[in-house]
């Protein structure tokens, strides 16, 4: 796929599926915004890998469940690259426990990141 001159933003891109998606988009020619919440070293490593392969990428710290942080992140992409063509809502959290053992705080976190963060 030819994604030259396209700009992608991948949330939760510092590891796992998000990392693989970001690498794939970059290998197809897209400039990639690598969103992360806490693991800046993994995000920086991914950006360096993309750039060492001739791509363009930037690490962007933001909590996708916080509207003001998302606005700032998108603003940074717009000021540097002019637009966002591709958005991959990959960020998410898992609370691996029985449903009956989940606390209200667990539910709030899941809702905040997995549902609100996608919108």
PDB file of N, CA and C in Angstrom:
ATOM      1  N   UNK A   1       0.847  -1.167   0.000  1.00  0.00           N
ATOM      2  CA  UNK A   1       0.000   0.000   0.000  1.00  0.00           C
ATOM      3  C   UNK A   1       0.898   1.238   0.000  1.00  0.00           C
ATOM      4  N   UNK A   2       0.538   2.221  -0.768  1.00  0.00           N
ATOM      5  CA  UNK A   2       1.327   3.446  -0.839  1.00  0.00           C
ATOM      6  C   UNK A   2       0.693   4.515   0.044  1.00  0.00           C
ATOM      7  N   UNK A   3       1.369   4.863   1.114  1.00  0.00           N
ATOM      8  CA  UNK A   3       0.869   5.884   2.031  1.00  0.00           C
ATOM      9  C   UNK A   3       1.764   7.124   2.050  1.00  0.00           C
ATOM     10  N   UNK A   4       2.550   7.319   0.990  1.00  0.00           N
ATOM     11  CA  UNK A   4       3.382   8.509   0.913  1.00  0.00           C
ATOM     12  C   UNK A   4       2.516   9.749   1.038  1.00  0.00           C
ATOM     13  N   UNK A   5       3.016  10.739   1.768  1.00  0.00           N
ATOM     14  CA  UNK A   5       2.326  11.998   2.021  1.00  0.00           C
ATOM     15  C   UNK A   5       1.086  11.849   2.900  1.00  0.00           C
ATOM     16  N   UNK A   6       0.902  10.700   3.529  1.00  0.00           N
ATOM     17  CA  UNK A   6      -0.192  10.507   4.479  1.00  0.00           C
ATOM     18  C   UNK A   6       0.361  10.650   5.888  1.00  0.00           C
ATOM     19  N   UNK A   7      -0.504  11.093   6.792  1.00  0.00           N
ATOM     20  CA  UNK A   7      -0.116  11.263   8.188  1.00  0.00           C
ATOM     21  C   UNK A   7      -1.014  10.376   9.043  1.00  0.00           C
ATOM     22  N   UNK A   8      -0.380   9.557   9.869  1.00  0.00           N
ATOM     23  CA  UNK A   8      -1.106   8.633  10.729  1.00  0.00           C
ATOM     24  C   UNK A   8      -0.840   8.956  12.200  1.00  0.00           C
ATOM     25  N   UNK A   9      -1.847   8.739  13.017  1.00  0.00           N
ATOM     26  CA  UNK A   9      -1.716   8.829  14.467  1.00  0.00           C
ATOM     27  C   UNK A   9      -2.172   7.496  15.031  1.00  0.00           C
ATOM     28  N   UNK A  10      -1.287   6.859  15.801  1.00  0.00           N
ATOM     29  CA  UNK A  10      -1.606   5.570  16.409  1.00  0.00           C
ATOM     30  C   UNK A  10      -1.554   5.732  17.919  1.00  0.00           C
ATOM     31  N   UNK A  11      -2.710   5.578  18.576  1.00  0.00           N
ATOM     32  CA  UNK A  11      -2.719   5.668  20.036  1.00  0.00           C
ATOM     33  C   UNK A  11      -2.215   4.351  20.616  1.00  0.00           C
ATOM     34  N   UNK A  12      -1.573   4.443  21.760  1.00  0.00           N
ATOM     35  CA  UNK A  12      -1.016   3.256  22.394  1.00  0.00           C
ATOM     36  C   UNK A  12       0.009   2.567  21.526  1.00  0.00           C
ATOM     37  N   UNK A  13       0.847   3.350  20.866  1.00  0.00           N
ATOM     38  CA  UNK A  13       1.774   2.800  19.877  1.00  0.00           C
ATOM     39  C   UNK A  13       3.119   2.383  20.448  1.00  0.00           C
ATOM     40  N   UNK A  14       3.348   2.550  21.727  1.00  0.00           N
ATOM     41  CA  UNK A  14       4.674   2.251  22.260  1.00  0.00           C
ATOM     42  C   UNK A  14       4.919   0.764  22.455  1.00  0.00           C
ATOM     43  N   UNK A  15       3.901  -0.062  22.275  1.00  0.00           N
ATOM     44  CA  UNK A  15       4.103  -1.495  22.440  1.00  0.00           C
ATOM     45  C   UNK A  15       3.014  -2.320  21.775  1.00  0.00           C
ATOM     46  N   UNK A  16       3.241  -3.600  21.698  1.00  0.00           N
ATOM     47  CA  UNK A  16       2.247  -4.547  21.237  1.00  0.00           C
ATOM     48  C   UNK A  16       1.702  -4.284  19.845  1.00  0.00           C
ATOM     49  N   UNK A  17       0.393  -4.395  19.722  1.00  0.00           N
ATOM     50  CA  UNK A  17      -0.285  -4.224  18.438  1.00  0.00           C
ATOM     51  C   UNK A  17      -0.074  -2.819  17.891  1.00  0.00           C
ATOM     52  N   UNK A  18      -0.152  -1.800  18.742  1.00  0.00           N
ATOM     53  CA  UNK A  18       0.042  -0.424  18.288  1.00  0.00           C
ATOM     54  C   UNK A  18       1.410  -0.208  17.677  1.00  0.00           C
ATOM     55  N   UNK A  19       2.413  -0.808  18.265  1.00  0.00           N
ATOM     56  CA  UNK A  19       3.777  -0.703  17.733  1.00  0.00           C
ATOM     57  C   UNK A  19       3.846  -1.333  16.347  1.00  0.00           C
ATOM     58  N   UNK A  20       3.267  -2.513  16.200  1.00  0.00           N
ATOM     59  CA  UNK A  20       3.279  -3.208  14.914  1.00  0.00           C
ATOM     60  C   UNK A  20       2.537  -2.406  13.853  1.00  0.00           C
ATOM     61  N   UNK A  21       1.423  -1.822  14.225  1.00  0.00           N
ATOM     62  CA  UNK A  21       0.656  -1.001  13.288  1.00  0.00           C
ATOM     63  C   UNK A  21       1.470   0.208  12.854  1.00  0.00           C
ATOM     64  N   UNK A  22       2.105   0.882  13.815  1.00  0.00           N
ATOM     65  CA  UNK A  22       2.921   2.062  13.500  1.00  0.00           C
ATOM     66  C   UNK A  22       4.063   1.699  12.552  1.00  0.00           C
ATOM     67  N   UNK A  23       4.722   0.587  12.814  1.00  0.00           N
ATOM     68  CA  UNK A  23       5.812   0.143  11.932  1.00  0.00           C
ATOM     69  C   UNK A  23       5.301  -0.148  10.520  1.00  0.00           C
ATOM     70  N   UNK A  24       4.156  -0.786  10.431  1.00  0.00           N
ATOM     71  CA  UNK A  24       3.580  -1.113   9.134  1.00  0.00           C
ATOM     72  C   UNK A  24       3.203   0.148   8.366  1.00  0.00           C
ATOM     73  N   UNK A  25       2.560   1.091   9.035  1.00  0.00           N
ATOM     74  CA  UNK A  25       2.193   2.350   8.382  1.00  0.00           C
ATOM     75  C   UNK A  25       3.428   3.089   7.889  1.00  0.00           C
ATOM     76  N   UNK A  26       4.458   3.119   8.719  1.00  0.00           N
ATOM     77  CA  UNK A  26       5.696   3.803   8.341  1.00  0.00           C
ATOM     78  C   UNK A  26       6.365   3.103   7.161  1.00  0.00           C
ATOM     79  N   UNK A  27       6.346   1.776   7.166  1.00  0.00           N
ATOM     80  CA  UNK A  27       6.984   1.056   6.056  1.00  0.00           C
ATOM     81  C   UNK A  27       6.240   1.277   4.744  1.00  0.00           C
ATOM     82  N   UNK A  28       4.963   1.641   4.843  1.00  0.00           N
ATOM     83  CA  UNK A  28       4.179   1.967   3.646  1.00  0.00           C
ATOM     84  C   UNK A  28       4.281   3.442   3.270  1.00  0.00           C
ATOM     85  N   UNK A  29       5.087   4.212   4.029  1.00  0.00           N
ATOM     86  CA  UNK A  29       5.375   5.591   3.658  1.00  0.00           C
ATOM     87  C   UNK A  29       4.704   6.668   4.474  1.00  0.00           C
ATOM     88  N   UNK A  30       3.847   6.307   5.417  1.00  0.00           N
ATOM     89  CA  UNK A  30       3.150   7.320   6.219  1.00  0.00           C
ATOM     90  C   UNK A  30       4.089   7.936   7.259  1.00  0.00           C
ATOM     91  N   UNK A  31       3.844   9.209   7.545  1.00  0.00           N
ATOM     92  CA  UNK A  31       4.451   9.842   8.715  1.00  0.00           C
ATOM     93  C   UNK A  31       3.602   9.379   9.896  1.00  0.00           C
ATOM     94  N   UNK A  32       4.241   8.993  10.990  1.00  0.00           N
ATOM     95  CA  UNK A  32       3.499   8.361  12.078  1.00  0.00           C
ATOM     96  C   UNK A  32       3.681   9.094  13.400  1.00  0.00           C
ATOM     97  N   UNK A  33       2.566   9.489  13.997  1.00  0.00           N
ATOM     98  CA  UNK A  33       2.543  10.001  15.350  1.00  0.00           C
ATOM     99  C   UNK A  33       2.415   8.815  16.290  1.00  0.00           C
ATOM    100  N   UNK A  34       3.421   8.619  17.127  1.00  0.00           N
ATOM    101  CA  UNK A  34       3.498   7.485  18.038  1.00  0.00           C
ATOM    102  C   UNK A  34       3.020   7.954  19.413  1.00  0.00           C
ATOM    103  N   UNK A  35       1.747   7.704  19.702  1.00  0.00           N
ATOM    104  CA  UNK A  35       1.192   8.121  20.988  1.00  0.00           C
ATOM    105  C   UNK A  35       1.557   7.120  22.075  1.00  0.00           C
ATOM    106  N   UNK A  36       1.874   7.659  23.259  1.00  0.00           N
ATOM    107  CA  UNK A  36       2.147   6.831  24.431  1.00  0.00           C
ATOM    108  C   UNK A  36       1.660   7.579  25.654  1.00  0.00           C
ATOM    109  N   UNK A  37       1.412   6.835  26.719  1.00  0.00           N
ATOM    110  CA  UNK A  37       1.006   7.463  27.970  1.00  0.00           C
ATOM    111  C   UNK A  37       2.185   7.581  28.924  1.00  0.00           C
ATOM    112  N   UNK A  38       2.890   6.482  29.198  1.00  0.00           N
ATOM    113  CA  UNK A  38       3.953   6.523  30.203  1.00  0.00           C
ATOM    114  C   UNK A  38       5.299   6.012  29.730  1.00  0.00           C
ATOM    115  N   UNK A  39       5.329   5.152  28.730  1.00  0.00           N
ATOM    116  CA  UNK A  39       6.586   4.506  28.340  1.00  0.00           C
ATOM    117  C   UNK A  39       7.299   5.294  27.242  1.00  0.00           C
ATOM    118  N   UNK A  40       7.908   6.394  27.637  1.00  0.00           N
ATOM    119  CA  UNK A  40       8.582   7.262  26.661  1.00  0.00           C
ATOM    120  C   UNK A  40       9.775   6.581  26.007  1.00  0.00           C
ATOM    121  N   UNK A  41      10.481   5.735  26.740  1.00  0.00           N
ATOM    122  CA  UNK A  41      11.645   5.078  26.132  1.00  0.00           C
ATOM    123  C   UNK A  41      11.221   4.117  25.026  1.00  0.00           C
ATOM    124  N   UNK A  42      10.124   3.390  25.208  1.00  0.00           N
ATOM    125  CA  UNK A  42       9.632   2.493  24.150  1.00  0.00           C
ATOM    126  C   UNK A  42       9.155   3.297  22.943  1.00  0.00           C
ATOM    127  N   UNK A  43       8.489   4.418  23.192  1.00  0.00           N
ATOM    128  CA  UNK A  43       8.035   5.279  22.093  1.00  0.00           C
ATOM    129  C   UNK A  43       9.233   5.857  21.341  1.00  0.00           C
ATOM    130  N   UNK A  44      10.235   6.311  22.075  1.00  0.00           N
ATOM    131  CA  UNK A  44      11.447   6.852  21.436  1.00  0.00           C
ATOM    132  C   UNK A  44      12.167   5.779  20.631  1.00  0.00           C
ATOM    133  N   UNK A  45      12.227   4.557  21.168  1.00  0.00           N
ATOM    134  CA  UNK A  45      12.855   3.452  20.437  1.00  0.00           C
ATOM    135  C   UNK A  45      12.122   3.191  19.119  1.00  0.00           C
ATOM    136  N   UNK A  46      10.801   3.224  19.161  1.00  0.00           N
ATOM    137  CA  UNK A  46      10.014   3.003  17.952  1.00  0.00           C
ATOM    138  C   UNK A  46      10.247   4.122  16.941  1.00  0.00           C
ATOM    139  N   UNK A  47      10.235   5.358  17.396  1.00  0.00           N
ATOM    140  CA  UNK A  47      10.503   6.493  16.504  1.00  0.00           C
ATOM    141  C   UNK A  47      11.878   6.343  15.873  1.00  0.00           C
ATOM    142  N   UNK A  48      12.880   5.988  16.669  1.00  0.00           N
ATOM    143  CA  UNK A  48      14.236   5.803  16.142  1.00  0.00           C
ATOM    144  C   UNK A  48      14.283   4.675  15.119  1.00  0.00           C
ATOM    145  N   UNK A  49      13.557   3.588  15.370  1.00  0.00           N
ATOM    146  CA  UNK A  49      13.516   2.481  14.417  1.00  0.00           C
ATOM    147  C   UNK A  49      12.883   2.914  13.100  1.00  0.00           C
ATOM    148  N   UNK A  50      11.772   3.631  13.180  1.00  0.00           N
ATOM    149  CA  UNK A  50      11.105   4.123  11.972  1.00  0.00           C
ATOM    150  C   UNK A  50      12.043   5.042  11.197  1.00  0.00           C
ATOM    151  N   UNK A  51      12.684   5.966  11.908  1.00  0.00           N
ATOM    152  CA  UNK A  51      13.557   6.926  11.242  1.00  0.00           C
ATOM    153  C   UNK A  51      14.809   6.254  10.665  1.00  0.00           C
ATOM    154  N   UNK A  52      15.328   5.247  11.342  1.00  0.00           N
ATOM    155  CA  UNK A  52      16.514   4.556  10.826  1.00  0.00           C
ATOM    156  C   UNK A  52      16.187   3.766   9.554  1.00  0.00           C
ATOM    157  N   UNK A  53      14.919   3.482   9.343  1.00  0.00           N
ATOM    158  CA  UNK A  53      14.479   2.812   8.124  1.00  0.00           C
ATOM    159  C   UNK A  53      13.993   3.807   7.069  1.00  0.00           C
ATOM    160  N   UNK A  54      14.302   5.093   7.270  1.00  0.00           N
ATOM    161  CA  UNK A  54      13.966   6.114   6.286  1.00  0.00           C
ATOM    162  C   UNK A  54      12.604   6.756   6.445  1.00  0.00           C
ATOM    163  N   UNK A  55      11.894   6.429   7.524  1.00  0.00           N
ATOM    164  CA  UNK A  55      10.561   6.984   7.746  1.00  0.00           C
ATOM    165  C   UNK A  55      10.585   8.251   8.575  1.00  0.00           C
ATOM    166  N   UNK A  56       9.393   8.761   8.811  1.00  0.00           N
ATOM    167  CA  UNK A  56       9.214   9.957   9.619  1.00  0.00           C
ATOM    168  C   UNK A  56       8.248   9.628  10.745  1.00  0.00           C
ATOM    169  N   UNK A  57       8.626   9.986  11.968  1.00  0.00           N
ATOM    170  CA  UNK A  57       7.786   9.684  13.122  1.00  0.00           C
ATOM    171  C   UNK A  57       8.080  10.657  14.242  1.00  0.00           C
ATOM    172  N   UNK A  58       7.132  10.762  15.153  1.00  0.00           N
ATOM    173  CA  UNK A  58       7.304  11.595  16.342  1.00  0.00           C
ATOM    174  C   UNK A  58       6.593  10.937  17.513  1.00  0.00           C
ATOM    175  N   UNK A  59       7.235  10.943  18.673  1.00  0.00           N
ATOM    176  CA  UNK A  59       6.627  10.432  19.899  1.00  0.00           C
ATOM    177  C   UNK A  59       5.754  11.531  20.498  1.00  0.00           C
ATOM    178  N   UNK A  60       4.533  11.160  20.880  1.00  0.00           N
ATOM    179  CA  UNK A  60       3.558  12.127  21.378  1.00  0.00           C
ATOM    180  C   UNK A  60       2.920  11.613  22.658  1.00  0.00           C
ATOM    181  N   UNK A  61       3.295  12.200  23.792  1.00  0.00           N
ATOM    182  CA  UNK A  61       2.728  11.783  25.071  1.00  0.00           C
ATOM    183  C   UNK A  61       1.356  12.414  25.245  1.00  0.00           C
ATOM    184  N   UNK A  62       0.349  11.586  25.526  1.00  0.00           N
ATOM    185  CA  UNK A  62      -0.993  12.087  25.814  1.00  0.00           C
ATOM    186  C   UNK A  62      -1.852  10.965  26.381  1.00  0.00           C
ATOM    187  N   UNK A  63      -2.695  11.317  27.325  1.00  0.00           N
ATOM    188  CA  UNK A  63      -3.714  10.416  27.858  1.00  0.00           C
ATOM    189  C   UNK A  63      -4.928  10.552  26.947  1.00  0.00           C
ATOM    190  N   UNK A  64      -5.254   9.513  26.184  1.00  0.00           N
ATOM    191  CA  UNK A  64      -6.336   9.624  25.198  1.00  0.00           C
ATOM    192  C   UNK A  64      -7.708   9.780  25.824  1.00  0.00           C
ATOM    193  N   UNK A  65      -7.815   9.601  27.129  1.00  0.00           N
ATOM    194  CA  UNK A  65      -9.104   9.816  27.792  1.00  0.00           C
ATOM    195  C   UNK A  65      -9.261  11.256  28.273  1.00  0.00           C
ATOM    196  N   UNK A  66      -8.253  12.088  28.041  1.00  0.00           N
ATOM    197  CA  UNK A  66      -8.278  13.489  28.455  1.00  0.00           C
ATOM    198  C   UNK A  66      -8.343  14.370  27.207  1.00  0.00           C
ATOM    199  N   UNK A  67      -9.483  14.995  27.007  1.00  0.00           N
ATOM    200  CA  UNK A  67      -9.734  15.769  25.791  1.00  0.00           C
ATOM    201  C   UNK A  67      -8.696  16.857  25.544  1.00  0.00           C
ATOM    202  N   UNK A  68      -8.256  17.531  26.587  1.00  0.00           N
ATOM    203  CA  UNK A  68      -7.291  18.608  26.398  1.00  0.00           C
ATOM    204  C   UNK A  68      -5.934  18.058  25.947  1.00  0.00           C
ATOM    205  N   UNK A  69      -5.533  16.898  26.471  1.00  0.00           N
ATOM    206  CA  UNK A  69      -4.273  16.295  26.042  1.00  0.00           C
ATOM    207  C   UNK A  69      -4.354  15.802  24.597  1.00  0.00           C
ATOM    208  N   UNK A  70      -5.499  15.255  24.222  1.00  0.00           N
ATOM    209  CA  UNK A  70      -5.687  14.809  22.832  1.00  0.00           C
ATOM    210  C   UNK A  70      -5.653  16.015  21.894  1.00  0.00           C
ATOM    211  N   UNK A  71      -6.304  17.094  22.273  1.00  0.00           N
ATOM    212  CA  UNK A  71      -6.291  18.306  21.448  1.00  0.00           C
ATOM    213  C   UNK A  71      -4.870  18.830  21.263  1.00  0.00           C
ATOM    214  N   UNK A  72      -4.088  18.820  22.326  1.00  0.00           N
ATOM    215  CA  UNK A  72      -2.701  19.273  22.228  1.00  0.00           C
ATOM    216  C   UNK A  72      -1.882  18.348  21.332  1.00  0.00           C
ATOM    217  N   UNK A  73      -2.104  17.038  21.452  1.00  0.00           N
ATOM    218  CA  UNK A  73      -1.378  16.084  20.625  1.00  0.00           C
ATOM    219  C   UNK A  73      -1.724  16.282  19.149  1.00  0.00           C
ATOM    220  N   UNK A  74      -3.000  16.386  18.849  1.00  0.00           N
ATOM    221  CA  UNK A  74      -3.416  16.599  17.458  1.00  0.00           C
ATOM    222  C   UNK A  74      -2.905  17.947  16.964  1.00  0.00           C
ATOM    223  N   UNK A  75      -2.934  18.963  17.807  1.00  0.00           N
ATOM    224  CA  UNK A  75      -2.401  20.270  17.438  1.00  0.00           C
ATOM    225  C   UNK A  75      -0.935  20.203  17.070  1.00  0.00           C
ATOM    226  N   UNK A  76      -0.176  19.386  17.796  1.00  0.00           N
ATOM    227  CA  UNK A  76       1.239  19.216  17.490  1.00  0.00           C
ATOM    228  C   UNK A  76       1.424  18.575  16.116  1.00  0.00           C
ATOM    229  N   UNK A  77       0.630  17.562  15.816  1.00  0.00           N
ATOM    230  CA  UNK A  77       0.714  16.919  14.499  1.00  0.00           C
ATOM    231  C   UNK A  77       0.327  17.908  13.407  1.00  0.00           C
ATOM    232  N   UNK A  78      -0.747  18.662  13.631  1.00  0.00           N
ATOM    233  CA  UNK A  78      -1.198  19.615  12.616  1.00  0.00           C
ATOM    234  C   UNK A  78      -0.151  20.696  12.364  1.00  0.00           C
ATOM    235  N   UNK A  79       0.497  21.159  13.419  1.00  0.00           N
ATOM    236  CA  UNK A  79       1.496  22.212  13.222  1.00  0.00           C
ATOM    237  C   UNK A  79       2.755  21.681  12.536  1.00  0.00           C
ATOM    238  N   UNK A  80       3.080  20.409  12.734  1.00  0.00           N
ATOM    239  CA  UNK A  80       4.274  19.830  12.121  1.00  0.00           C
ATOM    240  C   UNK A  80       4.021  19.225  10.746  1.00  0.00           C
ATOM    241  N   UNK A  81       2.880  18.558  10.578  1.00  0.00           N
ATOM    242  CA  UNK A  81       2.635  17.809   9.349  1.00  0.00           C
ATOM    243  C   UNK A  81       1.384  18.250   8.588  1.00  0.00           C
ATOM    244  N   UNK A  82       0.613  19.174   9.168  1.00  0.00           N
ATOM    245  CA  UNK A  82      -0.503  19.784   8.444  1.00  0.00           C
ATOM    246  C   UNK A  82      -1.840  19.079   8.474  1.00  0.00           C
ATOM    247  N   UNK A  83      -1.875  17.809   8.828  1.00  0.00           N
ATOM    248  CA  UNK A  83      -3.151  17.099   8.822  1.00  0.00           C
ATOM    249  C   UNK A  83      -2.994  15.724   9.472  1.00  0.00           C
ATOM    250  N   UNK A  84      -4.118  15.059   9.678  1.00  0.00           N
ATOM    251  CA  UNK A  84      -4.151  13.659  10.094  1.00  0.00           C
ATOM    252  C   UNK A  84      -5.059  12.937   9.104  1.00  0.00           C
ATOM    253  N   UNK A  85      -4.495  11.962   8.385  1.00  0.00           N
ATOM    254  CA  UNK A  85      -5.257  11.191   7.411  1.00  0.00           C
ATOM    255  C   UNK A  85      -5.749   9.862   7.970  1.00  0.00           C
ATOM    256  N   UNK A  86      -4.974   9.292   8.872  1.00  0.00           N
ATOM    257  CA  UNK A  86      -5.259   7.958   9.402  1.00  0.00           C
ATOM    258  C   UNK A  86      -5.220   8.032  10.922  1.00  0.00           C
ATOM    259  N   UNK A  87      -6.271   7.524  11.558  1.00  0.00           N
ATOM    260  CA  UNK A  87      -6.309   7.457  13.012  1.00  0.00           C
ATOM    261  C   UNK A  87      -6.554   6.017  13.421  1.00  0.00           C
ATOM    262  N   UNK A  88      -5.648   5.483  14.236  1.00  0.00           N
ATOM    263  CA  UNK A  88      -5.804   4.130  14.761  1.00  0.00           C
ATOM    264  C   UNK A  88      -6.004   4.254  16.265  1.00  0.00           C
ATOM    265  N   UNK A  89      -7.220   3.992  16.722  1.00  0.00           N
ATOM    266  CA  UNK A  89      -7.541   4.030  18.153  1.00  0.00           C
ATOM    267  C   UNK A  89      -7.178   2.686  18.771  1.00  0.00           C
ATOM    268  N   UNK A  90      -5.932   2.555  19.167  1.00  0.00           N
ATOM    269  CA  UNK A  90      -5.417   1.296  19.676  1.00  0.00           C
ATOM    270  C   UNK A  90      -5.284   1.280  21.195  1.00  0.00           C
ATOM    271  N   UNK A  91      -5.154   2.417  21.831  1.00  0.00           N
ATOM    272  CA  UNK A  91      -4.921   2.460  23.279  1.00  0.00           C
ATOM    273  C   UNK A  91      -6.068   1.788  24.020  1.00  0.00           C
ATOM    274  N   UNK A  92      -5.710   1.053  25.035  1.00  0.00           N
ATOM    275  CA  UNK A  92      -6.735   0.395  25.844  1.00  0.00           C
ATOM    276  C   UNK A  92      -6.134  -0.163  27.115  1.00  0.00           C
ATOM    277  N   UNK A  93      -7.006  -0.492  28.036  1.00  0.00           N
ATOM    278  CA  UNK A  93      -6.584  -1.106  29.292  1.00  0.00           C
ATOM    279  C   UNK A  93      -7.386  -2.377  29.511  1.00  0.00           C
ATOM    280  N   UNK A  94      -6.797  -3.300  30.240  1.00  0.00           N
ATOM    281  CA  UNK A  94      -7.463  -4.550  30.584  1.00  0.00           C
ATOM    282  C   UNK A  94      -7.387  -4.720  32.087  1.00  0.00           C
ATOM    283  N   UNK A  95      -8.495  -5.103  32.662  1.00  0.00           N
ATOM    284  CA  UNK A  95      -8.533  -5.459  34.075  1.00  0.00           C
ATOM    285  C   UNK A  95      -8.893  -6.934  34.134  1.00  0.00           C
ATOM    286  N   UNK A  96      -7.868  -7.780  34.191  1.00  0.00           N
ATOM    287  CA  UNK A  96      -8.083  -9.219  34.167  1.00  0.00           C
ATOM    288  C   UNK A  96      -8.472  -9.739  35.546  1.00  0.00           C
ATOM    289  N   UNK A  97      -9.765  -9.753  35.759  1.00  0.00           N
ATOM    290  CA  UNK A  97     -10.299 -10.341  36.988  1.00  0.00           C
ATOM    291  C   UNK A  97     -11.763 -10.674  36.739  1.00  0.00           C
ATOM    292  N   UNK A  98     -12.326 -11.434  37.618  1.00  0.00           N
ATOM    293  CA  UNK A  98     -13.741 -11.772  37.485  1.00  0.00           C
ATOM    294  C   UNK A  98     -14.586 -10.502  37.537  1.00  0.00           C
ATOM    295  N   UNK A  99     -15.617 -10.480  36.734  1.00  0.00           N
ATOM    296  CA  UNK A  99     -16.516  -9.332  36.667  1.00  0.00           C
ATOM    297  C   UNK A  99     -17.009  -8.918  38.051  1.00  0.00           C
ATOM    298  N   UNK A 100     -17.376  -9.883  38.851  1.00  0.00           N
ATOM    299  CA  UNK A 100     -17.910  -9.578  40.186  1.00  0.00           C
ATOM    300  C   UNK A 100     -16.854  -9.019  41.130  1.00  0.00           C
ATOM    301  N   UNK A 101     -15.570  -9.146  40.773  1.00  0.00           N
ATOM    302  CA  UNK A 101     -14.495  -8.625  41.623  1.00  0.00           C
ATOM    303  C   UNK A 101     -13.963  -7.282  41.157  1.00  0.00           C
ATOM    304  N   UNK A 102     -14.486  -6.776  40.060  1.00  0.00           N
ATOM    305  CA  UNK A 102     -14.040  -5.460  39.581  1.00  0.00           C
ATOM    306  C   UNK A 102     -14.624  -4.373  40.465  1.00  0.00           C
ATOM    307  N   UNK A 103     -13.775  -3.429  40.837  1.00  0.00           N
ATOM    308  CA  UNK A 103     -14.220  -2.313  41.665  1.00  0.00           C
ATOM    309  C   UNK A 103     -14.786  -1.205  40.779  1.00  0.00           C
ATOM    310  N   UNK A 104     -15.421  -0.241  41.391  1.00  0.00           N
ATOM    311  CA  UNK A 104     -15.912   0.920  40.643  1.00  0.00           C
ATOM    312  C   UNK A 104     -14.760   1.653  39.964  1.00  0.00           C
ATOM    313  N   UNK A 105     -13.617   1.742  40.641  1.00  0.00           N
ATOM    314  CA  UNK A 105     -12.445   2.398  40.046  1.00  0.00           C
ATOM    315  C   UNK A 105     -11.950   1.639  38.811  1.00  0.00           C
ATOM    316  N   UNK A 106     -11.982   0.300  38.876  1.00  0.00           N
ATOM    317  CA  UNK A 106     -11.608  -0.507  37.712  1.00  0.00           C
ATOM    318  C   UNK A 106     -12.520  -0.184  36.531  1.00  0.00           C
ATOM    319  N   UNK A 107     -13.825  -0.154  36.777  1.00  0.00           N
ATOM    320  CA  UNK A 107     -14.789   0.141  35.712  1.00  0.00           C
ATOM    321  C   UNK A 107     -14.581   1.540  35.155  1.00  0.00           C
ATOM    322  N   UNK A 108     -14.349   2.485  36.024  1.00  0.00           N
ATOM    323  CA  UNK A 108     -14.144   3.862  35.572  1.00  0.00           C
ATOM    324  C   UNK A 108     -12.929   3.968  34.650  1.00  0.00           C
ATOM    325  N   UNK A 109     -11.845   3.273  34.994  1.00  0.00           N
ATOM    326  CA  UNK A 109     -10.647   3.295  34.166  1.00  0.00           C
ATOM    327  C   UNK A 109     -10.918   2.661  32.800  1.00  0.00           C
ATOM    328  N   UNK A 110     -11.574   1.511  32.798  1.00  0.00           N
ATOM    329  CA  UNK A 110     -11.894   0.827  31.543  1.00  0.00           C
ATOM    330  C   UNK A 110     -12.774   1.711  30.666  1.00  0.00           C
ATOM    331  N   UNK A 111     -13.790   2.307  31.247  1.00  0.00           N
ATOM    332  CA  UNK A 111     -14.694   3.182  30.492  1.00  0.00           C
ATOM    333  C   UNK A 111     -13.948   4.412  29.985  1.00  0.00           C
ATOM    334  N   UNK A 112     -13.146   5.012  30.863  1.00  0.00           N
ATOM    335  CA  UNK A 112     -12.419   6.237  30.524  1.00  0.00           C
ATOM    336  C   UNK A 112     -11.481   6.025  29.333  1.00  0.00           C
ATOM    337  N   UNK A 113     -10.711   4.947  29.343  1.00  0.00           N
ATOM    338  CA  UNK A 113      -9.720   4.718  28.281  1.00  0.00           C
ATOM    339  C   UNK A 113     -10.336   4.009  27.086  1.00  0.00           C
ATOM    340  N   UNK A 114     -11.002   2.891  27.311  1.00  0.00           N
ATOM    341  CA  UNK A 114     -11.470   2.058  26.207  1.00  0.00           C
ATOM    342  C   UNK A 114     -12.671   2.642  25.475  1.00  0.00           C
ATOM    343  N   UNK A 115     -13.536   3.334  26.171  1.00  0.00           N
ATOM    344  CA  UNK A 115     -14.713   3.901  25.502  1.00  0.00           C
ATOM    345  C   UNK A 115     -14.542   5.378  25.201  1.00  0.00           C
ATOM    346  N   UNK A 116     -14.313   6.179  26.225  1.00  0.00           N
ATOM    347  CA  UNK A 116     -14.173   7.619  26.013  1.00  0.00           C
ATOM    348  C   UNK A 116     -12.966   7.951  25.149  1.00  0.00           C
ATOM    349  N   UNK A 117     -11.879   7.234  25.362  1.00  0.00           N
ATOM    350  CA  UNK A 117     -10.649   7.492  24.608  1.00  0.00           C
ATOM    351  C   UNK A 117     -10.805   7.299  23.112  1.00  0.00           C
ATOM    352  N   UNK A 118     -11.694   6.409  22.714  1.00  0.00           N
ATOM    353  CA  UNK A 118     -11.902   6.169  21.277  1.00  0.00           C
ATOM    354  C   UNK A 118     -12.682   7.296  20.621  1.00  0.00           C
ATOM    355  N   UNK A 119     -13.345   8.095  21.406  1.00  0.00           N
ATOM    356  CA  UNK A 119     -14.137   9.189  20.836  1.00  0.00           C
ATOM    357  C   UNK A 119     -13.530  10.529  21.132  1.00  0.00           C
TER     358      UNK A 119
END
